[in-house]
Amino acid sequence: MNWLPVTVSGRIYALLLLILALAPFIFEWINQPFYLDLLSRALILAIAVVSLNLILGFGGMVSLGHAAYIGIGAYCVGIPSYYDYYNGWLHLALALSVSATFALLTGAICLRTKGVYFIMITMAFSQMVYFTFLSLEEYGADDGLVIYSRSEFPEFISMDGATSLYYWIFALLLAALFFVHRLVHARFGRVIVGSKFNEPRMQALGFNTYRYRLACYVLAAMICSLAGMLLGNFTGFISPDMIGWARSGELVFMVIIGGVGTLFGPLVGTLVFVVLEEVLSAITVYWHLIFGILLVALVLFGKGGIHGWLSLLDRKSKAHD
């Protein structure tokens, strides 16, 4: 059956997507709706991590401010809802346009720097967004803002209900994965990847790498804002805590756990991160310590992340053949 993935890792990823597609029916069958909520949250974060991997994994731009776009997307749902504007297309348009504008303005400055300077300036802009929302007393400041109703779309694509919202999340995750796959394998993506490894050479070939990298940065921000929009609808509550640099650090960890510069690595890394967090927190109040040790061990001994381990299976399978 030549339509099946030919590698072991490819088959594992295909099986994972099949399980995710059937998850609402599986959890309904075993009468465990809580797990659907947990999985929904994980897949929302996975969209943000996929977008971060676009600039970090493929572009070599290590950002500690990426969570700002989650917050921007969430507040683009929360603020209009505060004034009783629940139109989903309005929320979607605001999330994409505001995040793109902010990324364009800040990215134009950030991408003038490299290395640790880039890391620090992205974190600085993220903290600027954090303190901006923290100062908005009208919208709850540090107490946050309650969203009383989800974004309204036509009935056949409504977000009402846990299952409907889950499939919204799953569909946008698939769209993000497909978009990143097509982008990376297009000429645009080759320039981005080439700039990561040897930017002077790409410039010598006539490419304006600064513009390519800026466009990539903006696209990643827009994808991440979709995660924010979904998170606002999922939680029904938004606050500046969504934007802190610690959340950005978690997103970086998820990319590393799954596999930097891979397509499905961010998805797997996010699922492992969220599941570990949930399981350990249920076992002990000191779960942060155990969780930190496990993350350090994964980074130190899991070269290439989980995708790297799966690649070993691919090589062993080829050697056996």
C-alpha atoms as a PDB file:
ATOM      1  CA  MET A   1       0.000   0.000   0.000  1.00  0.00           C
ATOM      2  CA  ASN A   2       2.157   2.838  -1.324  1.00  0.00           C
ATOM      3  CA  TRP A   3      -0.035   5.559   0.228  1.00  0.00           C
ATOM      4  CA  LEU A   4       1.267   4.621   3.688  1.00  0.00           C
ATOM      5  CA  PRO A   5       4.336   6.421   5.109  1.00  0.00           C
ATOM      6  CA  VAL A   6       7.461   4.415   4.325  1.00  0.00           C
ATOM      7  CA  THR A   7       9.441   5.181   7.488  1.00  0.00           C
ATOM      8  CA  VAL A   8       8.801   4.016  11.039  1.00  0.00           C
ATOM      9  CA  SER A   9       8.619   7.609  12.290  1.00  0.00           C
ATOM     10  CA  GLY A  10       6.210   8.530   9.495  1.00  0.00           C
ATOM     11  CA  ARG A  11       3.880   5.697  10.471  1.00  0.00           C
ATOM     12  CA  ILE A  12       4.040   6.699  14.133  1.00  0.00           C
ATOM     13  CA  TYR A  13       3.153  10.301  13.260  1.00  0.00           C
ATOM     14  CA  ALA A  14       0.312   9.132  10.997  1.00  0.00           C
ATOM     15  CA  LEU A  15      -1.038   6.948  13.814  1.00  0.00           C
ATOM     16  CA  LEU A  16      -0.773   9.889  16.216  1.00  0.00           C
ATOM     17  CA  LEU A  17      -2.810  12.127  13.881  1.00  0.00           C
ATOM     18  CA  LEU A  18      -5.419   9.363  13.501  1.00  0.00           C
ATOM     19  CA  ILE A  19      -5.713   9.052  17.286  1.00  0.00           C
ATOM     20  CA  LEU A  20      -6.033  12.831  17.633  1.00  0.00           C
ATOM     21  CA  ALA A  21      -8.760  12.860  14.965  1.00  0.00           C
ATOM     22  CA  LEU A  22     -10.732  10.197  16.852  1.00  0.00           C
ATOM     23  CA  ALA A  23      -9.961  11.497  20.363  1.00  0.00           C
ATOM     24  CA  PRO A  24     -13.430  13.002  21.124  1.00  0.00           C
ATOM     25  CA  PHE A  25     -15.108   9.677  20.308  1.00  0.00           C
ATOM     26  CA  ILE A  26     -12.527   7.716  22.321  1.00  0.00           C
ATOM     27  CA  PHE A  27     -12.934   9.904  25.417  1.00  0.00           C
ATOM     28  CA  GLU A  28     -16.719   9.835  25.101  1.00  0.00           C
ATOM     29  CA  TRP A  29     -16.599   6.025  24.872  1.00  0.00           C
ATOM     30  CA  ILE A  30     -14.537   5.729  28.070  1.00  0.00           C
ATOM     31  CA  ASN A  31     -16.565   8.550  29.696  1.00  0.00           C
ATOM     32  CA  GLN A  32     -13.549  10.767  30.432  1.00  0.00           C
ATOM     33  CA  PRO A  33     -14.397  14.277  29.146  1.00  0.00           C
ATOM     34  CA  PHE A  34     -11.594  15.784  31.249  1.00  0.00           C
ATOM     35  CA  TYR A  35      -8.999  14.274  28.931  1.00  0.00           C
ATOM     36  CA  LEU A  36     -10.562  16.035  25.949  1.00  0.00           C
ATOM     37  CA  ASP A  37     -10.066  19.371  27.731  1.00  0.00           C
ATOM     38  CA  LEU A  38      -6.451  18.435  28.505  1.00  0.00           C
ATOM     39  CA  LEU A  39      -5.826  17.434  24.899  1.00  0.00           C
ATOM     40  CA  SER A  40      -7.495  20.605  23.608  1.00  0.00           C
ATOM     41  CA  ARG A  41      -5.148  22.731  25.708  1.00  0.00           C
ATOM     42  CA  ALA A  42      -2.157  20.710  24.515  1.00  0.00           C
ATOM     43  CA  LEU A  43      -3.065  21.128  20.839  1.00  0.00           C
ATOM     44  CA  ILE A  44      -3.584  24.880  21.276  1.00  0.00           C
ATOM     45  CA  LEU A  45      -0.078  25.121  22.687  1.00  0.00           C
ATOM     46  CA  ALA A  46       1.138  22.864  19.866  1.00  0.00           C
ATOM     47  CA  ILE A  47      -0.008  25.453  17.300  1.00  0.00           C
ATOM     48  CA  ALA A  48       2.063  28.083  19.133  1.00  0.00           C
ATOM     49  CA  VAL A  49       5.046  25.710  19.290  1.00  0.00           C
ATOM     50  CA  VAL A  50       4.774  24.894  15.567  1.00  0.00           C
ATOM     51  CA  SER A  51       4.920  28.626  14.852  1.00  0.00           C
ATOM     52  CA  LEU A  52       7.931  29.077  17.149  1.00  0.00           C
ATOM     53  CA  ASN A  53       9.684  26.164  15.454  1.00  0.00           C
ATOM     54  CA  LEU A  54       9.310  27.968  12.130  1.00  0.00           C
ATOM     55  CA  ILE A  55      11.606  30.780  13.298  1.00  0.00           C
ATOM     56  CA  LEU A  56      13.688  28.849  15.843  1.00  0.00           C
ATOM     57  CA  GLY A  57      14.115  25.450  14.223  1.00  0.00           C
ATOM     58  CA  PHE A  58      14.178  26.426  10.557  1.00  0.00           C
ATOM     59  CA  GLY A  59      15.302  30.040  10.838  1.00  0.00           C
ATOM     60  CA  GLY A  60      17.674  29.905  13.806  1.00  0.00           C
ATOM     61  CA  MET A  61      15.892  32.835  15.516  1.00  0.00           C
ATOM     62  CA  VAL A  62      15.711  31.976  19.224  1.00  0.00           C
ATOM     63  CA  SER A  63      12.876  34.067  20.635  1.00  0.00           C
ATOM     64  CA  LEU A  64      12.049  34.382  24.331  1.00  0.00           C
ATOM     65  CA  GLY A  65       9.078  36.595  23.573  1.00  0.00           C
ATOM     66  CA  HIS A  66       6.906  34.379  21.404  1.00  0.00           C
ATOM     67  CA  ALA A  67       4.193  34.034  24.052  1.00  0.00           C
ATOM     68  CA  ALA A  68       3.341  37.698  23.451  1.00  0.00           C
ATOM     69  CA  TYR A  69       1.451  36.609  20.337  1.00  0.00           C
ATOM     70  CA  ILE A  70      -0.604  34.120  22.353  1.00  0.00           C
ATOM     71  CA  GLY A  71      -1.635  37.034  24.561  1.00  0.00           C
ATOM     72  CA  ILE A  72      -2.360  39.300  21.608  1.00  0.00           C
ATOM     73  CA  GLY A  73      -4.586  36.652  20.006  1.00  0.00           C
ATOM     74  CA  ALA A  74      -6.411  36.032  23.287  1.00  0.00           C
ATOM     75  CA  TYR A  75      -7.026  39.725  23.970  1.00  0.00           C
ATOM     76  CA  CYS A  76      -8.305  40.153  20.410  1.00  0.00           C
ATOM     77  CA  VAL A  77     -11.112  37.846  21.537  1.00  0.00           C
ATOM     78  CA  GLY A  78     -11.490  39.188  25.068  1.00  0.00           C
ATOM     79  CA  ILE A  79     -11.601  42.942  24.431  1.00  0.00           C
ATOM     80  CA  PRO A  80     -14.267  42.885  21.662  1.00  0.00           C
ATOM     81  CA  SER A  81     -16.271  40.382  23.764  1.00  0.00           C
ATOM     82  CA  TYR A  82     -16.128  42.856  26.664  1.00  0.00           C
ATOM     83  CA  TYR A  83     -18.117  45.227  24.430  1.00  0.00           C
ATOM     84  CA  ASP A  84     -20.458  42.388  23.318  1.00  0.00           C
ATOM     85  CA  TYR A  85     -18.839  41.918  19.898  1.00  0.00           C
ATOM     86  CA  TYR A  86     -18.742  38.141  19.537  1.00  0.00           C
ATOM     87  CA  ASN A  87     -18.324  37.886  15.762  1.00  0.00           C
ATOM     88  CA  GLY A  88     -15.724  35.186  15.211  1.00  0.00           C
ATOM     89  CA  TRP A  89     -14.528  36.563  11.872  1.00  0.00           C
ATOM     90  CA  LEU A  90     -13.863  39.902  13.598  1.00  0.00           C
ATOM     91  CA  HIS A  91     -11.859  38.145  16.335  1.00  0.00           C
ATOM     92  CA  LEU A  92      -9.908  36.189  13.738  1.00  0.00           C
ATOM     93  CA  ALA A  93      -9.159  39.256  11.617  1.00  0.00           C
ATOM     94  CA  LEU A  94      -8.065  41.261  14.662  1.00  0.00           C
ATOM     95  CA  ALA A  95      -5.779  38.488  15.942  1.00  0.00           C
ATOM     96  CA  LEU A  96      -4.039  38.102  12.588  1.00  0.00           C
ATOM     97  CA  SER A  97      -3.746  41.818  11.773  1.00  0.00           C
ATOM     98  CA  VAL A  98      -2.671  43.036  15.231  1.00  0.00           C
ATOM     99  CA  SER A  99      -0.094  40.265  15.643  1.00  0.00           C
ATOM    100  CA  ALA A 100       1.253  40.862  12.125  1.00  0.00           C
ATOM    101  CA  THR A 101       1.568  44.609  12.748  1.00  0.00           C
ATOM    102  CA  PHE A 102       3.287  44.157  16.103  1.00  0.00           C
ATOM    103  CA  ALA A 103       5.633  41.499  14.684  1.00  0.00           C
ATOM    104  CA  LEU A 104       6.492  43.676  11.702  1.00  0.00           C
ATOM    105  CA  LEU A 105       7.349  46.690  13.858  1.00  0.00           C
ATOM    106  CA  THR A 106       9.260  44.811  16.545  1.00  0.00           C
ATOM    107  CA  GLY A 107      10.803  42.270  14.178  1.00  0.00           C
ATOM    108  CA  ALA A 108      12.263  45.079  12.089  1.00  0.00           C
ATOM    109  CA  ILE A 109      14.236  46.040  15.204  1.00  0.00           C
ATOM    110  CA  CYS A 110      14.919  42.562  16.622  1.00  0.00           C
ATOM    111  CA  LEU A 111      16.344  41.214  13.381  1.00  0.00           C
ATOM    112  CA  ARG A 112      18.985  43.937  13.338  1.00  0.00           C
ATOM    113  CA  THR A 113      20.568  41.944  16.181  1.00  0.00           C
ATOM    114  CA  LYS A 114      21.845  38.377  16.515  1.00  0.00           C
ATOM    115  CA  GLY A 115      22.528  35.768  19.161  1.00  0.00           C
ATOM    116  CA  VAL A 116      21.935  36.681  22.786  1.00  0.00           C
ATOM    117  CA  TYR A 117      20.980  40.237  21.807  1.00  0.00           C
ATOM    118  CA  PHE A 118      18.117  38.902  19.688  1.00  0.00           C
ATOM    119  CA  ILE A 119      16.972  36.694  22.574  1.00  0.00           C
ATOM    120  CA  MET A 120      16.999  39.570  25.043  1.00  0.00           C
ATOM    121  CA  ILE A 121      15.271  42.092  22.807  1.00  0.00           C
ATOM    122  CA  THR A 122      12.441  39.673  21.946  1.00  0.00           C
ATOM    123  CA  MET A 123      11.973  39.079  25.670  1.00  0.00           C
ATOM    124  CA  ALA A 124      11.981  42.850  26.268  1.00  0.00           C
ATOM    125  CA  PHE A 125       9.211  43.420  23.712  1.00  0.00           C
ATOM    126  CA  SER A 126       7.224  40.554  25.224  1.00  0.00           C
ATOM    127  CA  GLN A 127       7.514  42.121  28.672  1.00  0.00           C
ATOM    128  CA  MET A 128       6.409  45.426  27.165  1.00  0.00           C
ATOM    129  CA  VAL A 129       3.191  43.742  25.983  1.00  0.00           C
ATOM    130  CA  TYR A 130       2.838  42.056  29.377  1.00  0.00           C
ATOM    131  CA  PHE A 131       3.043  45.315  31.311  1.00  0.00           C
ATOM    132  CA  THR A 132       0.756  47.045  28.802  1.00  0.00           C
ATOM    133  CA  PHE A 133      -2.058  44.565  29.458  1.00  0.00           C
ATOM    134  CA  LEU A 134      -1.195  44.598  33.168  1.00  0.00           C
ATOM    135  CA  SER A 135      -1.876  48.333  33.249  1.00  0.00           C
ATOM    136  CA  LEU A 136      -5.277  48.134  31.517  1.00  0.00           C
ATOM    137  CA  GLU A 137      -7.623  48.439  34.516  1.00  0.00           C
ATOM    138  CA  GLU A 138     -10.643  48.552  32.195  1.00  0.00           C
ATOM    139  CA  TYR A 139      -9.890  44.993  31.073  1.00  0.00           C
ATOM    140  CA  GLY A 140      -9.100  43.487  34.453  1.00  0.00           C
ATOM    141  CA  ALA A 141      -5.366  44.268  34.663  1.00  0.00           C
ATOM    142  CA  ASP A 142      -3.654  41.448  36.605  1.00  0.00           C
ATOM    143  CA  ASP A 143      -7.054  40.017  37.672  1.00  0.00           C
ATOM    144  CA  GLY A 144      -7.760  39.084  34.093  1.00  0.00           C
ATOM    145  CA  LEU A 145     -10.884  39.301  31.958  1.00  0.00           C
ATOM    146  CA  VAL A 146     -13.745  36.798  31.752  1.00  0.00           C
ATOM    147  CA  ILE A 147     -15.081  35.892  28.291  1.00  0.00           C
ATOM    148  CA  TYR A 148     -18.767  34.993  28.705  1.00  0.00           C
ATOM    149  CA  SER A 149     -19.387  33.622  25.224  1.00  0.00           C
ATOM    150  CA  ARG A 150     -17.230  32.025  22.559  1.00  0.00           C
ATOM    151  CA  SER A 151     -16.539  33.542  19.165  1.00  0.00           C
ATOM    152  CA  GLU A 152     -19.612  33.214  16.980  1.00  0.00           C
ATOM    153  CA  PHE A 153     -19.327  31.495  13.605  1.00  0.00           C
ATOM    154  CA  PRO A 154     -21.964  30.012  11.285  1.00  0.00           C
ATOM    155  CA  GLU A 155     -23.703  27.007  12.827  1.00  0.00           C
ATOM    156  CA  PHE A 156     -21.916  24.411  10.687  1.00  0.00           C
ATOM    157  CA  ILE A 157     -18.517  25.587  12.012  1.00  0.00           C
ATOM    158  CA  SER A 158     -19.667  26.719  15.453  1.00  0.00           C
ATOM    159  CA  MET A 159     -17.255  26.642  18.419  1.00  0.00           C
ATOM    160  CA  ASP A 160     -20.049  25.842  20.883  1.00  0.00           C
ATOM    161  CA  GLY A 161     -19.438  22.605  22.726  1.00  0.00           C
ATOM    162  CA  ALA A 162     -16.203  20.891  23.720  1.00  0.00           C
ATOM    163  CA  THR A 163     -16.136  18.624  20.657  1.00  0.00           C
ATOM    164  CA  SER A 164     -16.780  21.450  18.179  1.00  0.00           C
ATOM    165  CA  LEU A 165     -14.037  23.563  19.715  1.00  0.00           C
ATOM    166  CA  TYR A 166     -11.664  20.580  19.696  1.00  0.00           C
ATOM    167  CA  TYR A 167     -12.125  20.084  15.968  1.00  0.00           C
ATOM    168  CA  TRP A 168     -11.546  23.801  15.414  1.00  0.00           C
ATOM    169  CA  ILE A 169      -8.251  23.401  17.261  1.00  0.00           C
ATOM    170  CA  PHE A 170      -7.346  20.192  15.425  1.00  0.00           C
ATOM    171  CA  ALA A 171      -8.168  21.706  12.018  1.00  0.00           C
ATOM    172  CA  LEU A 172      -6.035  24.795  12.648  1.00  0.00           C
ATOM    173  CA  LEU A 173      -3.195  22.587  13.902  1.00  0.00           C
ATOM    174  CA  LEU A 174      -3.308  20.566  10.669  1.00  0.00           C
ATOM    175  CA  ALA A 175      -3.436  23.810   8.672  1.00  0.00           C
ATOM    176  CA  ALA A 176      -0.400  25.152  10.554  1.00  0.00           C
ATOM    177  CA  LEU A 177       1.563  21.931   9.968  1.00  0.00           C
ATOM    178  CA  PHE A 178       0.657  21.884   6.276  1.00  0.00           C
ATOM    179  CA  PHE A 179       1.532  25.566   5.869  1.00  0.00           C
ATOM    180  CA  VAL A 180       4.925  25.165   7.557  1.00  0.00           C
ATOM    181  CA  HIS A 181       5.673  22.039   5.492  1.00  0.00           C
ATOM    182  CA  ARG A 182       4.875  23.803   2.208  1.00  0.00           C
ATOM    183  CA  LEU A 183       6.702  26.962   3.238  1.00  0.00           C
ATOM    184  CA  VAL A 184       9.899  25.195   4.291  1.00  0.00           C
ATOM    185  CA  HIS A 185      10.049  23.187   1.079  1.00  0.00           C
ATOM    186  CA  ALA A 186       9.413  26.218  -1.123  1.00  0.00           C
ATOM    187  CA  ARG A 187      12.074  28.659  -2.289  1.00  0.00           C
ATOM    188  CA  PHE A 188      11.189  30.954   0.607  1.00  0.00           C
ATOM    189  CA  GLY A 189      11.903  28.207   3.119  1.00  0.00           C
ATOM    190  CA  ARG A 190      15.187  27.265   1.505  1.00  0.00           C
ATOM    191  CA  VAL A 191      16.362  30.853   1.864  1.00  0.00           C
ATOM    192  CA  ILE A 192      15.326  30.864   5.538  1.00  0.00           C
ATOM    193  CA  VAL A 193      17.127  27.586   6.265  1.00  0.00           C
ATOM    194  CA  GLY A 194      20.136  28.683   4.229  1.00  0.00           C
ATOM    195  CA  SER A 195      20.312  31.939   6.184  1.00  0.00           C
ATOM    196  CA  LYS A 196      20.342  29.968   9.419  1.00  0.00           C
ATOM    197  CA  PHE A 197      23.502  28.099   8.434  1.00  0.00           C
ATOM    198  CA  ASN A 198      25.322  30.591   6.211  1.00  0.00           C
ATOM    199  CA  GLU A 199      23.696  33.996   5.864  1.00  0.00           C
ATOM    200  CA  PRO A 200      26.639  35.698   4.071  1.00  0.00           C
ATOM    201  CA  ARG A 201      26.528  33.051   1.349  1.00  0.00           C
ATOM    202  CA  MET A 202      22.784  33.556   0.817  1.00  0.00           C
ATOM    203  CA  GLN A 203      23.380  37.299   0.579  1.00  0.00           C
ATOM    204  CA  ALA A 204      26.162  36.698  -1.940  1.00  0.00           C
ATOM    205  CA  LEU A 205      23.646  34.736  -4.022  1.00  0.00           C
ATOM    206  CA  GLY A 206      21.517  37.879  -4.192  1.00  0.00           C
ATOM    207  CA  PHE A 207      18.901  37.197  -1.515  1.00  0.00           C
ATOM    208  CA  ASN A 208      17.831  39.957   0.849  1.00  0.00           C
ATOM    209  CA  THR A 209      17.942  37.710   3.896  1.00  0.00           C
ATOM    210  CA  TYR A 210      16.721  40.435   6.248  1.00  0.00           C
ATOM    211  CA  ARG A 211      13.414  40.725   4.378  1.00  0.00           C
ATOM    212  CA  TYR A 212      12.999  36.959   4.194  1.00  0.00           C
ATOM    213  CA  ARG A 213      13.649  36.552   7.900  1.00  0.00           C
ATOM    214  CA  LEU A 214      11.300  39.421   8.765  1.00  0.00           C
ATOM    215  CA  ALA A 215       8.533  37.893   6.650  1.00  0.00           C
ATOM    216  CA  CYS A 216       9.112  34.551   8.374  1.00  0.00           C
ATOM    217  CA  TYR A 217       8.959  36.254  11.782  1.00  0.00           C
ATOM    218  CA  VAL A 218       5.631  37.897  10.914  1.00  0.00           C
ATOM    219  CA  LEU A 219       4.131  34.661   9.594  1.00  0.00           C
ATOM    220  CA  ALA A 220       5.135  32.815  12.778  1.00  0.00           C
ATOM    221  CA  ALA A 221       3.520  35.550  14.877  1.00  0.00           C
ATOM    222  CA  MET A 222       0.260  35.279  12.930  1.00  0.00           C
ATOM    223  CA  ILE A 223       0.112  31.498  13.388  1.00  0.00           C
ATOM    224  CA  CYS A 224       0.813  31.921  17.104  1.00  0.00           C
ATOM    225  CA  SER A 225      -1.991  34.477  17.408  1.00  0.00           C
ATOM    226  CA  LEU A 226      -4.406  31.766  16.223  1.00  0.00           C
ATOM    227  CA  ALA A 227      -3.347  29.730  19.248  1.00  0.00           C
ATOM    228  CA  GLY A 228      -4.108  32.763  21.418  1.00  0.00           C
ATOM    229  CA  MET A 229      -7.531  33.203  19.878  1.00  0.00           C
ATOM    230  CA  LEU A 230      -8.319  29.538  20.511  1.00  0.00           C
ATOM    231  CA  LEU A 231      -6.962  29.708  24.057  1.00  0.00           C
ATOM    232  CA  GLY A 232      -9.208  32.658  24.876  1.00  0.00           C
ATOM    233  CA  ASN A 233     -12.231  30.717  23.655  1.00  0.00           C
ATOM    234  CA  PHE A 234     -11.136  27.541  25.404  1.00  0.00           C
ATOM    235  CA  THR A 235     -10.467  28.993  28.858  1.00  0.00           C
ATOM    236  CA  GLY A 236     -13.128  31.713  28.808  1.00  0.00           C
ATOM    237  CA  PHE A 237     -10.621  33.808  30.709  1.00  0.00           C
ATOM    238  CA  ILE A 238      -7.559  35.812  29.712  1.00  0.00           C
ATOM    239  CA  SER A 239      -4.869  37.514  31.754  1.00  0.00           C
ATOM    240  CA  PRO A 240      -1.362  38.974  31.330  1.00  0.00           C
ATOM    241  CA  ASP A 241       0.062  35.715  32.722  1.00  0.00           C
ATOM    242  CA  MET A 242      -0.353  34.279  29.217  1.00  0.00           C
ATOM    243  CA  ILE A 243       2.377  36.625  27.994  1.00  0.00           C
ATOM    244  CA  GLY A 244       5.155  36.240  30.572  1.00  0.00           C
ATOM    245  CA  TRP A 245       8.648  35.287  29.445  1.00  0.00           C
ATOM    246  CA  ALA A 246       8.350  32.052  31.465  1.00  0.00           C
ATOM    247  CA  ARG A 247       5.597  30.895  29.082  1.00  0.00           C
ATOM    248  CA  SER A 248       7.883  31.716  26.148  1.00  0.00           C
ATOM    249  CA  GLY A 249      10.574  29.589  27.796  1.00  0.00           C
ATOM    250  CA  GLU A 250       8.127  26.696  28.049  1.00  0.00           C
ATOM    251  CA  LEU A 251       7.404  26.968  24.328  1.00  0.00           C
ATOM    252  CA  VAL A 252      11.149  26.766  23.597  1.00  0.00           C
ATOM    253  CA  PHE A 253      11.399  23.656  25.790  1.00  0.00           C
ATOM    254  CA  MET A 254       8.537  22.022  23.885  1.00  0.00           C
ATOM    255  CA  VAL A 255      10.338  22.599  20.591  1.00  0.00           C
ATOM    256  CA  ILE A 256      13.572  21.110  21.965  1.00  0.00           C
ATOM    257  CA  ILE A 257      11.830  18.081  23.508  1.00  0.00           C
ATOM    258  CA  GLY A 258      10.105  17.189  20.231  1.00  0.00           C
ATOM    259  CA  GLY A 259      12.965  18.003  17.884  1.00  0.00           C
ATOM    260  CA  VAL A 260      14.185  21.357  16.607  1.00  0.00           C
ATOM    261  CA  GLY A 261      13.676  21.960  12.903  1.00  0.00           C
ATOM    262  CA  THR A 262      11.304  19.020  12.358  1.00  0.00           C
ATOM    263  CA  LEU A 263       7.684  19.070  11.238  1.00  0.00           C
ATOM    264  CA  PHE A 264       5.974  16.891  13.854  1.00  0.00           C
ATOM    265  CA  GLY A 265       8.538  17.314  16.635  1.00  0.00           C
ATOM    266  CA  PRO A 266       6.796  20.393  18.103  1.00  0.00           C
ATOM    267  CA  LEU A 267       3.471  18.535  18.294  1.00  0.00           C
ATOM    268  CA  VAL A 268       5.010  15.513  20.039  1.00  0.00           C
ATOM    269  CA  GLY A 269       7.101  17.718  22.324  1.00  0.00           C
ATOM    270  CA  THR A 270       4.029  19.676  23.419  1.00  0.00           C
ATOM    271  CA  LEU A 271       2.017  16.527  24.127  1.00  0.00           C
ATOM    272  CA  VAL A 272       4.860  15.051  26.214  1.00  0.00           C
ATOM    273  CA  PHE A 273       5.337  18.343  28.094  1.00  0.00           C
ATOM    274  CA  VAL A 274       1.640  18.734  28.952  1.00  0.00           C
ATOM    275  CA  VAL A 275       1.159  15.068  29.918  1.00  0.00           C
ATOM    276  CA  LEU A 276       4.262  15.069  32.145  1.00  0.00           C
ATOM    277  CA  GLU A 277       3.104  18.290  33.782  1.00  0.00           C
ATOM    278  CA  GLU A 278      -0.356  16.849  34.463  1.00  0.00           C
ATOM    279  CA  VAL A 279       0.828  13.440  35.730  1.00  0.00           C
ATOM    280  CA  LEU A 280       3.568  14.782  38.015  1.00  0.00           C
ATOM    281  CA  SER A 281       1.349  17.521  39.489  1.00  0.00           C
ATOM    282  CA  ALA A 282      -1.166  14.809  40.442  1.00  0.00           C
ATOM    283  CA  ILE A 283       1.534  12.786  42.221  1.00  0.00           C
ATOM    284  CA  THR A 284       3.279  15.393  44.368  1.00  0.00           C
ATOM    285  CA  VAL A 285       3.259  19.083  45.240  1.00  0.00           C
ATOM    286  CA  TYR A 286       6.993  19.088  44.499  1.00  0.00           C
ATOM    287  CA  TRP A 287       6.391  18.172  40.896  1.00  0.00           C
ATOM    288  CA  HIS A 288       8.234  21.248  39.591  1.00  0.00           C
ATOM    289  CA  LEU A 289      11.547  19.810  40.844  1.00  0.00           C
ATOM    290  CA  ILE A 290      11.013  16.413  39.210  1.00  0.00           C
ATOM    291  CA  PHE A 291       9.714  18.051  36.051  1.00  0.00           C
ATOM    292  CA  GLY A 292      12.770  20.311  35.829  1.00  0.00           C
ATOM    293  CA  ILE A 293      15.168  17.375  36.268  1.00  0.00           C
ATOM    294  CA  LEU A 294      13.384  15.402  33.539  1.00  0.00           C
ATOM    295  CA  LEU A 295      13.509  18.362  31.147  1.00  0.00           C
ATOM    296  CA  VAL A 296      17.228  18.867  31.773  1.00  0.00           C
ATOM    297  CA  ALA A 297      17.843  15.143  31.192  1.00  0.00           C
ATOM    298  CA  LEU A 298      15.872  15.227  27.931  1.00  0.00           C
ATOM    299  CA  VAL A 299      17.877  18.189  26.678  1.00  0.00           C
ATOM    300  CA  LEU A 300      21.246  16.699  27.726  1.00  0.00           C
ATOM    301  CA  PHE A 301      20.748  13.099  26.616  1.00  0.00           C
ATOM    302  CA  GLY A 302      18.010  13.326  24.018  1.00  0.00           C
ATOM    303  CA  LYS A 303      20.012  14.694  21.113  1.00  0.00           C
ATOM    304  CA  GLY A 304      17.569  15.678  18.396  1.00  0.00           C
ATOM    305  CA  GLY A 305      14.659  15.310  20.834  1.00  0.00           C
ATOM    306  CA  ILE A 306      11.990  12.646  20.460  1.00  0.00           C
ATOM    307  CA  HIS A 307      12.186  12.946  16.679  1.00  0.00           C
ATOM    308  CA  GLY A 308      15.892  12.072  16.967  1.00  0.00           C
ATOM    309  CA  TRP A 309      15.012   8.869  18.786  1.00  0.00           C
ATOM    310  CA  LEU A 310      12.451   7.976  16.141  1.00  0.00           C
ATOM    311  CA  SER A 311      15.051   8.648  13.436  1.00  0.00           C
ATOM    312  CA  LEU A 312      17.212   5.961  15.035  1.00  0.00           C
ATOM    313  CA  LEU A 313      14.368   3.510  14.445  1.00  0.00           C
ATOM    314  CA  ASP A 314      14.262   4.617  10.802  1.00  0.00           C
ATOM    315  CA  ARG A 315      17.994   3.954  10.406  1.00  0.00           C
ATOM    316  CA  LYS A 316      17.757   0.560  12.095  1.00  0.00           C
ATOM    317  CA  SER A 317      14.820  -0.345   9.855  1.00  0.00           C
ATOM    318  CA  LYS A 318      16.808   0.603   6.730  1.00  0.00           C
ATOM    319  CA  ALA A 319      19.836  -1.332   7.939  1.00  0.00           C
ATOM    320  CA  HIS A 320      17.659  -4.384   8.543  1.00  0.00           C
ATOM    321  CA  ASP A 321      16.213  -4.147   5.025  1.00  0.00           C
END
